[in-house]
Amino acid sequence: MATTAYDIIKRPIITEQSMEQTEMKRYTFEVAKTANKIEIAKAIEEIFGVKVAKVNTLNMQGKAKRMGNRPAGRRASWKKAMVTLTADSKSIEFFEGMV
């Protein structure tokens, strides 16, 4: 099965902390759990037309949550990627209006 760039990059993560990082050309995304740093970098370059300098990844553990008086359920675990762009690269416009 061939994976596209859109299968690898699931969604951007919009938080106060991630918005502060955009000034330093650092963007945060939720990515496929099976994706590696090279695949993530290629997918970002393909989707947004930018140059990626560095990719950091974290596996985020799903939180335990209660569902009424039932035994606790669990949110899904997921993978987060922080992508740093090169100094001469253009910024990702998607994040511009959020700041």
PDB file of N, CA and C in Angstrom:
ATOM      1  N   MET A   1       0.839  -1.184   0.000  1.00  0.00           N
ATOM      2  CA  MET A   1       0.000   0.000   0.000  1.00  0.00           C
ATOM      3  C   MET A   1       0.887   1.251   0.000  1.00  0.00           C
ATOM      4  N   ALA A   2       0.697   2.098  -0.973  1.00  0.00           N
ATOM      5  CA  ALA A   2       1.480   3.335  -1.065  1.00  0.00           C
ATOM      6  C   ALA A   2       0.868   4.401  -0.160  1.00  0.00           C
ATOM      7  N   THR A   3       1.706   5.013   0.666  1.00  0.00           N
ATOM      8  CA  THR A   3       1.202   6.083   1.529  1.00  0.00           C
ATOM      9  C   THR A   3       1.513   7.419   0.901  1.00  0.00           C
ATOM     10  N   THR A   4       0.548   8.318   0.957  1.00  0.00           N
ATOM     11  CA  THR A   4       0.750   9.668   0.432  1.00  0.00           C
ATOM     12  C   THR A   4       1.217  10.573   1.561  1.00  0.00           C
ATOM     13  N   ALA A   5       1.616  11.781   1.207  1.00  0.00           N
ATOM     14  CA  ALA A   5       2.043  12.765   2.209  1.00  0.00           C
ATOM     15  C   ALA A   5       0.906  13.067   3.175  1.00  0.00           C
ATOM     16  N   TYR A   6      -0.325  13.008   2.677  1.00  0.00           N
ATOM     17  CA  TYR A   6      -1.490  13.315   3.517  1.00  0.00           C
ATOM     18  C   TYR A   6      -1.832  12.170   4.475  1.00  0.00           C
ATOM     19  N   ASP A   7      -1.352  10.955   4.189  1.00  0.00           N
ATOM     20  CA  ASP A   7      -1.508   9.845   5.127  1.00  0.00           C
ATOM     21  C   ASP A   7      -0.532   9.987   6.279  1.00  0.00           C
ATOM     22  N   ILE A   8       0.638  10.561   6.007  1.00  0.00           N
ATOM     23  CA  ILE A   8       1.677  10.713   7.030  1.00  0.00           C
ATOM     24  C   ILE A   8       1.358  11.880   7.958  1.00  0.00           C
ATOM     25  N   ILE A   9       1.012  13.041   7.388  1.00  0.00           N
ATOM     26  CA  ILE A   9       0.694  14.239   8.182  1.00  0.00           C
ATOM     27  C   ILE A   9      -0.811  14.252   8.419  1.00  0.00           C
ATOM     28  N   LYS A  10      -1.229  14.062   9.671  1.00  0.00           N
ATOM     29  CA  LYS A  10      -2.658  13.977   9.972  1.00  0.00           C
ATOM     30  C   LYS A  10      -3.278  15.345  10.198  1.00  0.00           C
ATOM     31  N   ARG A  11      -2.671  16.152  11.104  1.00  0.00           N
ATOM     32  CA  ARG A  11      -3.243  17.475  11.390  1.00  0.00           C
ATOM     33  C   ARG A  11      -2.198  18.339  12.085  1.00  0.00           C
ATOM     34  N   PRO A  12      -2.347  19.668  11.968  1.00  0.00           N
ATOM     35  CA  PRO A  12      -1.463  20.557  12.729  1.00  0.00           C
ATOM     36  C   PRO A  12      -1.922  20.616  14.180  1.00  0.00           C
ATOM     37  N   ILE A  13      -1.001  20.877  15.091  1.00  0.00           N
ATOM     38  CA  ILE A  13      -1.344  21.021  16.498  1.00  0.00           C
ATOM     39  C   ILE A  13      -1.289  22.506  16.837  1.00  0.00           C
ATOM     40  N   ILE A  14      -2.440  23.048  17.229  1.00  0.00           N
ATOM     41  CA  ILE A  14      -2.577  24.480  17.497  1.00  0.00           C
ATOM     42  C   ILE A  14      -2.713  24.670  19.001  1.00  0.00           C
ATOM     43  N   THR A  15      -1.624  25.043  19.666  1.00  0.00           N
ATOM     44  CA  THR A  15      -1.642  25.345  21.094  1.00  0.00           C
ATOM     45  C   THR A  15      -0.840  26.626  21.302  1.00  0.00           C
ATOM     46  N   GLU A  16      -0.934  27.202  22.485  1.00  0.00           N
ATOM     47  CA  GLU A  16      -0.161  28.410  22.783  1.00  0.00           C
ATOM     48  C   GLU A  16       1.319  28.154  22.594  1.00  0.00           C
ATOM     49  N   GLN A  17       1.785  27.039  23.116  1.00  0.00           N
ATOM     50  CA  GLN A  17       3.205  26.724  23.044  1.00  0.00           C
ATOM     51  C   GLN A  17       3.661  26.524  21.592  1.00  0.00           C
ATOM     52  N   SER A  18       2.874  25.826  20.790  1.00  0.00           N
ATOM     53  CA  SER A  18       3.270  25.601  19.398  1.00  0.00           C
ATOM     54  C   SER A  18       3.199  26.890  18.579  1.00  0.00           C
ATOM     55  N   MET A  19       2.295  27.801  18.926  1.00  0.00           N
ATOM     56  CA  MET A  19       2.197  29.073  18.204  1.00  0.00           C
ATOM     57  C   MET A  19       3.407  29.961  18.492  1.00  0.00           C
ATOM     58  N   GLU A  20       3.935  29.916  19.716  1.00  0.00           N
ATOM     59  CA  GLU A  20       5.143  30.684  20.045  1.00  0.00           C
ATOM     60  C   GLU A  20       6.332  30.179  19.234  1.00  0.00           C
ATOM     61  N   GLN A  21       6.362  28.890  18.946  1.00  0.00           N
ATOM     62  CA  GLN A  21       7.465  28.291  18.203  1.00  0.00           C
ATOM     63  C   GLN A  21       7.475  28.698  16.730  1.00  0.00           C
ATOM     64  N   THR A  22       6.319  29.144  16.190  1.00  0.00           N
ATOM     65  CA  THR A  22       6.245  29.473  14.767  1.00  0.00           C
ATOM     66  C   THR A  22       7.150  30.651  14.412  1.00  0.00           C
ATOM     67  N   GLU A  23       7.435  31.536  15.373  1.00  0.00           N
ATOM     68  CA  GLU A  23       8.333  32.663  15.102  1.00  0.00           C
ATOM     69  C   GLU A  23       9.738  32.176  14.768  1.00  0.00           C
ATOM     70  N   MET A  24      10.106  31.001  15.289  1.00  0.00           N
ATOM     71  CA  MET A  24      11.424  30.421  15.020  1.00  0.00           C
ATOM     72  C   MET A  24      11.350  29.386  13.890  1.00  0.00           C
ATOM     73  N   LYS A  25      10.282  29.449  13.095  1.00  0.00           N
ATOM     74  CA  LYS A  25      10.038  28.522  11.979  1.00  0.00           C
ATOM     75  C   LYS A  25      10.000  27.075  12.455  1.00  0.00           C
ATOM     76  N   ARG A  26       9.308  26.854  13.566  1.00  0.00           N
ATOM     77  CA  ARG A  26       9.145  25.509  14.112  1.00  0.00           C
ATOM     78  C   ARG A  26       7.644  25.221  14.202  1.00  0.00           C
ATOM     79  N   TYR A  27       7.205  24.159  13.544  1.00  0.00           N
ATOM     80  CA  TYR A  27       5.783  23.834  13.449  1.00  0.00           C
ATOM     81  C   TYR A  27       5.534  22.433  14.001  1.00  0.00           C
ATOM     82  N   THR A  28       4.346  22.237  14.596  1.00  0.00           N
ATOM     83  CA  THR A  28       4.020  20.977  15.253  1.00  0.00           C
ATOM     84  C   THR A  28       2.848  20.303  14.542  1.00  0.00           C
ATOM     85  N   PHE A  29       2.973  18.994  14.314  1.00  0.00           N
ATOM     86  CA  PHE A  29       1.941  18.225  13.621  1.00  0.00           C
ATOM     87  C   PHE A  29       1.714  16.889  14.320  1.00  0.00           C
ATOM     88  N   GLU A  30       0.481  16.377  14.188  1.00  0.00           N
ATOM     89  CA  GLU A  30       0.224  14.980  14.547  1.00  0.00           C
ATOM     90  C   GLU A  30       0.510  14.176  13.285  1.00  0.00           C
ATOM     91  N   VAL A  31       1.279  13.089  13.437  1.00  0.00           N
ATOM     92  CA  VAL A  31       1.683  12.285  12.282  1.00  0.00           C
ATOM     93  C   VAL A  31       1.328  10.814  12.505  1.00  0.00           C
ATOM     94  N   ALA A  32       1.433  10.028  11.449  1.00  0.00           N
ATOM     95  CA  ALA A  32       1.167   8.592  11.536  1.00  0.00           C
ATOM     96  C   ALA A  32       2.171   7.944  12.478  1.00  0.00           C
ATOM     97  N   LYS A  33       1.717   7.002  13.297  1.00  0.00           N
ATOM     98  CA  LYS A  33       2.599   6.352  14.282  1.00  0.00           C
ATOM     99  C   LYS A  33       3.737   5.585  13.619  1.00  0.00           C
ATOM    100  N   THR A  34       3.531   5.131  12.400  1.00  0.00           N
ATOM    101  CA  THR A  34       4.547   4.332  11.713  1.00  0.00           C
ATOM    102  C   THR A  34       5.549   5.183  10.938  1.00  0.00           C
ATOM    103  N   ALA A  35       5.304   6.488  10.819  1.00  0.00           N
ATOM    104  CA  ALA A  35       6.162   7.359  10.006  1.00  0.00           C
ATOM    105  C   ALA A  35       7.493   7.626  10.709  1.00  0.00           C
ATOM    106  N   ASN A  36       8.582   7.664   9.921  1.00  0.00           N
ATOM    107  CA  ASN A  36       9.876   8.026  10.485  1.00  0.00           C
ATOM    108  C   ASN A  36      10.207   9.481  10.116  1.00  0.00           C
ATOM    109  N   LYS A  37      11.327   9.992  10.640  1.00  0.00           N
ATOM    110  CA  LYS A  37      11.670  11.402  10.458  1.00  0.00           C
ATOM    111  C   LYS A  37      11.881  11.772   8.991  1.00  0.00           C
ATOM    112  N   ILE A  38      12.475  10.887   8.221  1.00  0.00           N
ATOM    113  CA  ILE A  38      12.731  11.164   6.799  1.00  0.00           C
ATOM    114  C   ILE A  38      11.413  11.274   6.043  1.00  0.00           C
ATOM    115  N   GLU A  39      10.479  10.343   6.300  1.00  0.00           N
ATOM    116  CA  GLU A  39       9.163  10.387   5.641  1.00  0.00           C
ATOM    117  C   GLU A  39       8.406  11.653   6.027  1.00  0.00           C
ATOM    118  N   ILE A  40       8.487  12.043   7.303  1.00  0.00           N
ATOM    119  CA  ILE A  40       7.797  13.253   7.768  1.00  0.00           C
ATOM    120  C   ILE A  40       8.356  14.481   7.067  1.00  0.00           C
ATOM    121  N   ALA A  41       9.684  14.591   6.980  1.00  0.00           N
ATOM    122  CA  ALA A  41      10.323  15.736   6.321  1.00  0.00           C
ATOM    123  C   ALA A  41       9.911  15.825   4.858  1.00  0.00           C
ATOM    124  N   LYS A  42       9.909  14.697   4.148  1.00  0.00           N
ATOM    125  CA  LYS A  42       9.522  14.692   2.731  1.00  0.00           C
ATOM    126  C   LYS A  42       8.060  15.087   2.555  1.00  0.00           C
ATOM    127  N   ALA A  43       7.193  14.610   3.454  1.00  0.00           N
ATOM    128  CA  ALA A  43       5.762  14.922   3.368  1.00  0.00           C
ATOM    129  C   ALA A  43       5.510  16.414   3.590  1.00  0.00           C
ATOM    130  N   ILE A  44       6.190  17.024   4.571  1.00  0.00           N
ATOM    131  CA  ILE A  44       6.033  18.459   4.841  1.00  0.00           C
ATOM    132  C   ILE A  44       6.516  19.271   3.644  1.00  0.00           C
ATOM    133  N   GLU A  45       7.666  18.888   3.077  1.00  0.00           N
ATOM    134  CA  GLU A  45       8.197  19.601   1.910  1.00  0.00           C
ATOM    135  C   GLU A  45       7.244  19.497   0.720  1.00  0.00           C
ATOM    136  N   GLU A  46       6.640  18.323   0.543  1.00  0.00           N
ATOM    137  CA  GLU A  46       5.717  18.110  -0.575  1.00  0.00           C
ATOM    138  C   GLU A  46       4.421  18.909  -0.398  1.00  0.00           C
ATOM    139  N   ILE A  47       3.850  18.880   0.801  1.00  0.00           N
ATOM    140  CA  ILE A  47       2.554  19.527   1.038  1.00  0.00           C
ATOM    141  C   ILE A  47       2.673  21.055   1.025  1.00  0.00           C
ATOM    142  N   PHE A  48       3.675  21.585   1.743  1.00  0.00           N
ATOM    143  CA  PHE A  48       3.754  23.038   1.945  1.00  0.00           C
ATOM    144  C   PHE A  48       4.795  23.727   1.065  1.00  0.00           C
ATOM    145  N   GLY A  49       5.632  22.993   0.350  1.00  0.00           N
ATOM    146  CA  GLY A  49       6.642  23.591  -0.520  1.00  0.00           C
ATOM    147  C   GLY A  49       7.699  24.372   0.246  1.00  0.00           C
ATOM    148  N   VAL A  50       8.187  23.818   1.348  1.00  0.00           N
ATOM    149  CA  VAL A  50       9.202  24.464   2.188  1.00  0.00           C
ATOM    150  C   VAL A  50      10.422  23.547   2.310  1.00  0.00           C
ATOM    151  N   LYS A  51      11.511  24.058   2.899  1.00  0.00           N
ATOM    152  CA  LYS A  51      12.708  23.241   3.136  1.00  0.00           C
ATOM    153  C   LYS A  51      12.793  22.905   4.620  1.00  0.00           C
ATOM    154  N   VAL A  52      12.873  21.624   4.943  1.00  0.00           N
ATOM    155  CA  VAL A  52      12.933  21.169   6.336  1.00  0.00           C
ATOM    156  C   VAL A  52      14.397  21.008   6.756  1.00  0.00           C
ATOM    157  N   ALA A  53      14.755  21.608   7.900  1.00  0.00           N
ATOM    158  CA  ALA A  53      16.107  21.486   8.438  1.00  0.00           C
ATOM    159  C   ALA A  53      16.199  20.320   9.406  1.00  0.00           C
ATOM    160  N   LYS A  54      15.166  20.147  10.248  1.00  0.00           N
ATOM    161  CA  LYS A  54      15.244  19.163  11.327  1.00  0.00           C
ATOM    162  C   LYS A  54      13.840  18.700  11.708  1.00  0.00           C
ATOM    163  N   VAL A  55      13.737  17.433  12.146  1.00  0.00           N
ATOM    164  CA  VAL A  55      12.471  16.874  12.623  1.00  0.00           C
ATOM    165  C   VAL A  55      12.724  16.202  13.972  1.00  0.00           C
ATOM    166  N   ASN A  56      11.924  16.576  14.984  1.00  0.00           N
ATOM    167  CA  ASN A  56      11.943  15.900  16.278  1.00  0.00           C
ATOM    168  C   ASN A  56      10.605  15.203  16.445  1.00  0.00           C
ATOM    169  N   THR A  57      10.610  13.979  16.976  1.00  0.00           N
ATOM    170  CA  THR A  57       9.356  13.238  17.156  1.00  0.00           C
ATOM    171  C   THR A  57       9.198  12.788  18.596  1.00  0.00           C
ATOM    172  N   LEU A  58       7.935  12.643  19.012  1.00  0.00           N
ATOM    173  CA  LEU A  58       7.590  12.123  20.333  1.00  0.00           C
ATOM    174  C   LEU A  58       6.404  11.188  20.182  1.00  0.00           C
ATOM    175  N   ASN A  59       6.435  10.075  20.911  1.00  0.00           N
ATOM    176  CA  ASN A  59       5.266   9.206  21.002  1.00  0.00           C
ATOM    177  C   ASN A  59       4.478   9.649  22.222  1.00  0.00           C
ATOM    178  N   MET A  60       3.247  10.108  22.014  1.00  0.00           N
ATOM    179  CA  MET A  60       2.400  10.613  23.082  1.00  0.00           C
ATOM    180  C   MET A  60       1.500   9.480  23.578  1.00  0.00           C
ATOM    181  N   GLN A  61       1.497   9.249  24.889  1.00  0.00           N
ATOM    182  CA  GLN A  61       0.668   8.204  25.470  1.00  0.00           C
ATOM    183  C   GLN A  61      -0.771   8.706  25.609  1.00  0.00           C
ATOM    184  N   GLY A  62      -1.751   7.843  25.301  1.00  0.00           N
ATOM    185  CA  GLY A  62      -3.146   8.191  25.474  1.00  0.00           C
ATOM    186  C   GLY A  62      -3.494   8.277  26.953  1.00  0.00           C
ATOM    187  N   LYS A  63      -4.337   9.243  27.313  1.00  0.00           N
ATOM    188  CA  LYS A  63      -4.718   9.430  28.715  1.00  0.00           C
ATOM    189  C   LYS A  63      -5.869   8.497  29.094  1.00  0.00           C
ATOM    190  N   ALA A  64      -5.891   8.089  30.348  1.00  0.00           N
ATOM    191  CA  ALA A  64      -7.025   7.320  30.868  1.00  0.00           C
ATOM    192  C   ALA A  64      -8.152   8.307  31.165  1.00  0.00           C
ATOM    193  N   LYS A  65      -9.362   7.998  30.708  1.00  0.00           N
ATOM    194  CA  LYS A  65     -10.520   8.880  30.903  1.00  0.00           C
ATOM    195  C   LYS A  65     -11.691   8.068  31.424  1.00  0.00           C
ATOM    196  N   ARG A  66     -12.460   8.659  32.327  1.00  0.00           N
ATOM    197  CA  ARG A  66     -13.663   7.980  32.827  1.00  0.00           C
ATOM    198  C   ARG A  66     -14.823   8.227  31.900  1.00  0.00           C
ATOM    199  N   MET A  67     -15.669   7.219  31.761  1.00  0.00           N
ATOM    200  CA  MET A  67     -16.882   7.331  30.952  1.00  0.00           C
ATOM    201  C   MET A  67     -18.071   7.130  31.890  1.00  0.00           C
ATOM    202  N   GLY A  68     -18.535   8.188  32.547  1.00  0.00           N
ATOM    203  CA  GLY A  68     -19.614   8.055  33.524  1.00  0.00           C
ATOM    204  C   GLY A  68     -19.154   7.214  34.690  1.00  0.00           C
ATOM    205  N   ASN A  69     -19.964   6.225  35.112  1.00  0.00           N
ATOM    206  CA  ASN A  69     -19.544   5.370  36.219  1.00  0.00           C
ATOM    207  C   ASN A  69     -18.939   4.058  35.725  1.00  0.00           C
ATOM    208  N   ARG A  70     -18.708   3.965  34.438  1.00  0.00           N
ATOM    209  CA  ARG A  70     -18.083   2.778  33.857  1.00  0.00           C
ATOM    210  C   ARG A  70     -16.591   2.748  34.215  1.00  0.00           C
ATOM    211  N   PRO A  71     -15.952   1.603  34.052  1.00  0.00           N
ATOM    212  CA  PRO A  71     -14.494   1.577  34.236  1.00  0.00           C
ATOM    213  C   PRO A  71     -13.818   2.528  33.252  1.00  0.00           C
ATOM    214  N   ALA A  72     -12.651   3.016  33.622  1.00  0.00           N
ATOM    215  CA  ALA A  72     -11.962   4.023  32.819  1.00  0.00           C
ATOM    216  C   ALA A  72     -11.671   3.508  31.417  1.00  0.00           C
ATOM    217  N   GLY A  73     -11.885   4.377  30.433  1.00  0.00           N
ATOM    218  CA  GLY A  73     -11.507   4.098  29.052  1.00  0.00           C
ATOM    219  C   GLY A  73     -10.162   4.763  28.797  1.00  0.00           C
ATOM    220  N   ARG A  74      -9.717   4.707  27.572  1.00  0.00           N
ATOM    221  CA  ARG A  74      -8.415   5.277  27.252  1.00  0.00           C
ATOM    222  C   ARG A  74      -8.474   5.996  25.920  1.00  0.00           C
ATOM    223  N   ARG A  75      -7.858   7.181  25.855  1.00  0.00           N
ATOM    224  CA  ARG A  75      -7.699   7.859  24.573  1.00  0.00           C
ATOM    225  C   ARG A  75      -6.586   7.172  23.798  1.00  0.00           C
ATOM    226  N   ALA A  76      -6.620   7.298  22.493  1.00  0.00           N
ATOM    227  CA  ALA A  76      -5.614   6.644  21.653  1.00  0.00           C
ATOM    228  C   ALA A  76      -4.251   7.306  21.830  1.00  0.00           C
ATOM    229  N   SER A  77      -3.195   6.512  21.739  1.00  0.00           N
ATOM    230  CA  SER A  77      -1.837   7.043  21.710  1.00  0.00           C
ATOM    231  C   SER A  77      -1.578   7.574  20.301  1.00  0.00           C
ATOM    232  N   TRP A  78      -0.678   8.572  20.193  1.00  0.00           N
ATOM    233  CA  TRP A  78      -0.406   9.180  18.891  1.00  0.00           C
ATOM    234  C   TRP A  78       1.028   9.686  18.842  1.00  0.00           C
ATOM    235  N   LYS A  79       1.451  10.103  17.671  1.00  0.00           N
ATOM    236  CA  LYS A  79       2.828  10.560  17.475  1.00  0.00           C
ATOM    237  C   LYS A  79       2.812  12.035  17.087  1.00  0.00           C
ATOM    238  N   LYS A  80       3.728  12.795  17.697  1.00  0.00           N
ATOM    239  CA  LYS A  80       3.833  14.225  17.446  1.00  0.00           C
ATOM    240  C   LYS A  80       5.179  14.512  16.800  1.00  0.00           C
ATOM    241  N   ALA A  81       5.195  15.423  15.821  1.00  0.00           N
ATOM    242  CA  ALA A  81       6.445  15.812  15.161  1.00  0.00           C
ATOM    243  C   ALA A  81       6.596  17.323  15.201  1.00  0.00           C
ATOM    244  N   MET A  82       7.769  17.787  15.650  1.00  0.00           N
ATOM    245  CA  MET A  82       8.107  19.203  15.610  1.00  0.00           C
ATOM    246  C   MET A  82       9.077  19.392  14.454  1.00  0.00           C
ATOM    247  N   VAL A  83       8.674  20.182  13.458  1.00  0.00           N
ATOM    248  CA  VAL A  83       9.446  20.351  12.236  1.00  0.00           C
ATOM    249  C   VAL A  83      10.058  21.749  12.234  1.00  0.00           C
ATOM    250  N   THR A  84      11.390  21.818  12.100  1.00  0.00           N
ATOM    251  CA  THR A  84      12.090  23.092  12.011  1.00  0.00           C
ATOM    252  C   THR A  84      12.473  23.318  10.553  1.00  0.00           C
ATOM    253  N   LEU A  85      12.147  24.513  10.048  1.00  0.00           N
ATOM    254  CA  LEU A  85      12.465  24.847   8.660  1.00  0.00           C
ATOM    255  C   LEU A  85      13.822  25.540   8.588  1.00  0.00           C
ATOM    256  N   THR A  86      14.422  25.536   7.398  1.00  0.00           N
ATOM    257  CA  THR A  86      15.698  26.221   7.207  1.00  0.00           C
ATOM    258  C   THR A  86      15.478  27.731   7.271  1.00  0.00           C
ATOM    259  N   ALA A  87      16.544  28.475   7.543  1.00  0.00           N
ATOM    260  CA  ALA A  87      16.446  29.935   7.693  1.00  0.00           C
ATOM    261  C   ALA A  87      15.979  30.601   6.400  1.00  0.00           C
ATOM    262  N   ASP A  88      16.388  30.074   5.235  1.00  0.00           N
ATOM    263  CA  ASP A  88      16.010  30.700   3.956  1.00  0.00           C
ATOM    264  C   ASP A  88      14.675  30.193   3.417  1.00  0.00           C
ATOM    265  N   SER A  89      14.038  29.265   4.110  1.00  0.00           N
ATOM    266  CA  SER A  89      12.757  28.720   3.657  1.00  0.00           C
ATOM    267  C   SER A  89      11.623  29.691   3.975  1.00  0.00           C
ATOM    268  N   LYS A  90      10.580  29.660   3.119  1.00  0.00           N
ATOM    269  CA  LYS A  90       9.403  30.478   3.430  1.00  0.00           C
ATOM    270  C   LYS A  90       8.637  29.820   4.582  1.00  0.00           C
ATOM    271  N   SER A  91       7.797  30.610   5.267  1.00  0.00           N
ATOM    272  CA  SER A  91       7.030  30.057   6.383  1.00  0.00           C
ATOM    273  C   SER A  91       5.779  29.354   5.864  1.00  0.00           C
ATOM    274  N   ILE A  92       5.134  28.581   6.719  1.00  0.00           N
ATOM    275  CA  ILE A  92       3.904  27.875   6.346  1.00  0.00           C
ATOM    276  C   ILE A  92       2.732  28.824   6.600  1.00  0.00           C
ATOM    277  N   GLU A  93       2.030  29.210   5.520  1.00  0.00           N
ATOM    278  CA  GLU A  93       0.975  30.224   5.621  1.00  0.00           C
ATOM    279  C   GLU A  93      -0.186  29.795   6.510  1.00  0.00           C
ATOM    280  N   PHE A  94      -0.428  28.477   6.581  1.00  0.00           N
ATOM    281  CA  PHE A  94      -1.553  27.967   7.369  1.00  0.00           C
ATOM    282  C   PHE A  94      -1.525  28.499   8.788  1.00  0.00           C
ATOM    283  N   PHE A  95      -0.339  28.633   9.377  1.00  0.00           N
ATOM    284  CA  PHE A  95      -0.195  29.046  10.756  1.00  0.00           C
ATOM    285  C   PHE A  95      -0.206  30.562  10.931  1.00  0.00           C
ATOM    286  N   GLU A  96      -0.074  31.327   9.846  1.00  0.00           N
ATOM    287  CA  GLU A  96       0.085  32.778   9.943  1.00  0.00           C
ATOM    288  C   GLU A  96      -1.100  33.466  10.639  1.00  0.00           C
ATOM    289  N   GLY A  97      -2.330  33.095  10.273  1.00  0.00           N
ATOM    290  CA  GLY A  97      -3.513  33.737  10.822  1.00  0.00           C
ATOM    291  C   GLY A  97      -3.808  33.330  12.271  1.00  0.00           C
ATOM    292  N   MET A  98      -3.152  32.301  12.769  1.00  0.00           N
ATOM    293  CA  MET A  98      -3.432  31.772  14.107  1.00  0.00           C
ATOM    294  C   MET A  98      -2.763  32.590  15.208  1.00  0.00           C
ATOM    295  N   VAL A  99      -1.648  33.230  14.879  1.00  0.00           N
ATOM    296  CA  VAL A  99      -0.846  33.907  15.921  1.00  0.00           C
ATOM    297  C   VAL A  99      -1.527  35.182  16.369  1.00  0.00           C
TER     298      VAL A  99
END
